[in-house]
Amino acid sequence: MSSHHQIFIDTDAEESALIESIQTITGSRPRTQQVLDGATLRAFIFDNTVVELEMSHEYEDDLGIPFSKYPIVITVRDLNSNRTREESTARWLLDKVCSITGSHGILVEDLQRMLERR
């Protein structure tokens, strides 16, 4: 399994407002697909990066990371596997999403290490 950066957020924003915010931030319209558990995955592609939005997840608190407090997950993947750029993009996206939507969030690497809390 590939490792990536995930942003977990808690927001009062409606789903449509969150999607619109990410669309504005990335300059990309979402591509939508159903995943195995029936959830909807929205992918925004820009600048060799894929940003995947899922409105729920089933991660349990682990390694001192309070996943359960942040019900929404945004996965950031660099299409060229540039981990430095991927982390930089994830930090930028966390800042933008939290600022625009009034959300609180955490940035996690590989679901194992919390890098930032907003």
Protein backbone atom coordinates (compact mmCIF):
# COMPACT_ATOMS: atom_id res chain seq x y z
CA MET A 1 0.00 0.00 0.00
CA SER A 2 1.32 3.41 -0.89
CA SER A 3 1.84 5.99 1.79
CA HIS A 4 0.33 9.43 1.52
CA HIS A 5 -0.62 12.50 3.51
CA GLN A 6 -4.13 12.75 4.92
CA ILE A 7 -5.97 15.76 6.25
CA PHE A 8 -8.69 14.97 8.77
CA ILE A 9 -11.15 17.77 9.40
CA ASP A 10 -14.12 18.62 11.58
CA THR A 11 -16.42 21.24 10.12
CA ASP A 12 -19.94 22.58 10.35
CA ALA A 13 -19.84 23.35 6.63
CA GLU A 14 -22.33 21.52 4.44
CA GLU A 15 -20.91 18.90 2.08
CA SER A 16 -21.66 21.06 -0.97
CA ALA A 17 -19.86 24.06 0.59
CA LEU A 18 -16.81 21.91 1.37
CA ILE A 19 -16.73 20.56 -2.18
CA GLU A 20 -17.05 24.08 -3.58
CA SER A 21 -14.25 25.31 -1.29
CA ILE A 22 -11.86 22.57 -2.42
CA GLN A 23 -12.84 23.22 -6.03
CA THR A 24 -11.99 26.90 -5.57
CA ILE A 25 -8.71 26.13 -3.78
CA THR A 26 -7.53 23.58 -6.36
CA GLY A 27 -9.07 25.18 -9.44
CA SER A 28 -10.35 21.73 -10.36
CA ARG A 29 -13.82 20.24 -10.72
CA PRO A 30 -14.31 17.00 -8.77
CA ARG A 31 -14.47 13.60 -10.43
CA THR A 32 -16.90 11.41 -8.52
CA GLN A 33 -16.89 7.65 -8.01
CA GLN A 34 -18.52 5.15 -5.68
CA VAL A 35 -16.12 3.11 -3.56
CA LEU A 36 -16.60 -0.43 -2.25
CA ASP A 37 -18.34 0.53 1.00
CA GLY A 38 -20.89 2.62 -0.93
CA ALA A 39 -19.33 5.95 0.00
CA THR A 40 -18.69 8.62 -2.59
CA LEU A 41 -15.11 9.62 -3.37
CA ARG A 42 -14.46 12.97 -5.00
CA ALA A 43 -11.09 13.52 -6.67
CA PHE A 44 -9.69 16.92 -7.61
CA ILE A 45 -6.66 16.80 -9.92
CA PHE A 46 -4.26 19.75 -10.26
CA ASP A 47 -0.51 20.34 -10.66
CA ASN A 48 0.45 16.63 -10.60
CA THR A 49 -1.57 16.18 -7.41
CA VAL A 50 -4.74 14.26 -6.64
CA VAL A 51 -6.84 15.43 -3.70
CA GLU A 52 -9.45 12.86 -2.66
CA LEU A 53 -12.35 13.90 -0.44
CA GLU A 54 -14.33 11.38 1.62
CA MET A 55 -17.07 12.67 3.91
CA SER A 56 -16.59 9.84 6.41
CA HIS A 57 -14.03 7.26 7.48
CA GLU A 58 -13.74 4.33 9.86
CA TYR A 59 -10.30 5.02 11.37
CA GLU A 60 -10.09 4.57 15.12
CA ASP A 61 -7.93 6.67 17.42
CA ASP A 62 -4.42 5.23 17.25
CA LEU A 63 -0.84 6.21 18.03
CA GLY A 64 -2.14 9.22 19.93
CA ILE A 65 -3.93 10.54 16.84
CA PRO A 66 -7.60 11.43 17.53
CA PHE A 67 -9.06 10.32 14.17
CA SER A 68 -12.56 10.03 15.66
CA LYS A 69 -12.70 13.79 16.33
CA TYR A 70 -12.29 14.53 12.62
CA PRO A 71 -14.94 12.71 10.56
CA ILE A 72 -13.86 13.92 7.09
CA VAL A 73 -10.67 12.76 5.36
CA ILE A 74 -8.83 14.38 2.46
CA THR A 75 -6.00 12.32 0.98
CA VAL A 76 -3.25 14.14 -0.92
CA ARG A 77 -1.24 12.16 -3.49
CA ASP A 78 1.58 13.50 -5.63
CA LEU A 79 1.37 11.80 -9.03
CA ASN A 80 5.18 11.80 -9.35
CA SER A 81 5.64 10.31 -5.86
CA ASN A 82 7.44 13.45 -4.70
CA ARG A 83 6.94 13.14 -0.92
CA THR A 84 8.39 16.58 -0.15
CA ARG A 85 6.04 18.31 -2.57
CA GLU A 86 3.14 16.14 -1.39
CA GLU A 87 3.68 17.22 2.22
CA SER A 88 4.02 20.86 1.22
CA THR A 89 0.80 20.66 -0.80
CA ALA A 90 -1.00 18.95 2.08
CA ARG A 91 0.10 21.65 4.55
CA TRP A 92 -1.04 24.37 2.11
CA LEU A 93 -4.39 22.62 1.58
CA LEU A 94 -4.95 22.15 5.33
CA ASP A 95 -4.38 25.87 5.88
CA LYS A 96 -6.68 26.90 3.01
CA VAL A 97 -9.53 24.50 3.87
CA CYS A 98 -9.49 25.43 7.56
CA SER A 99 -9.33 29.15 6.79
CA ILE A 100 -12.10 29.15 4.19
CA THR A 101 -14.53 26.79 5.95
CA GLY A 102 -13.76 27.62 9.59
CA SER A 103 -12.80 23.97 10.12
CA HIS A 104 -10.39 22.38 12.53
CA GLY A 105 -8.04 19.74 11.22
CA ILE A 106 -4.93 17.64 11.50
CA LEU A 107 -2.35 16.60 8.93
CA VAL A 108 -1.20 13.00 9.21
CA GLU A 109 1.53 11.12 7.37
CA ASP A 110 0.84 7.48 6.46
CA LEU A 111 -1.89 7.31 9.15
CA GLN A 112 0.96 7.02 11.66
CA ARG A 113 2.40 10.43 12.44
CA MET A 114 0.59 13.69 13.11
CA LEU A 115 2.48 16.55 11.45
CA GLU A 116 0.23 19.54 12.17
CA ARG A 117 -2.94 20.54 14.00
CA ARG A 118 -5.07 23.58 13.13
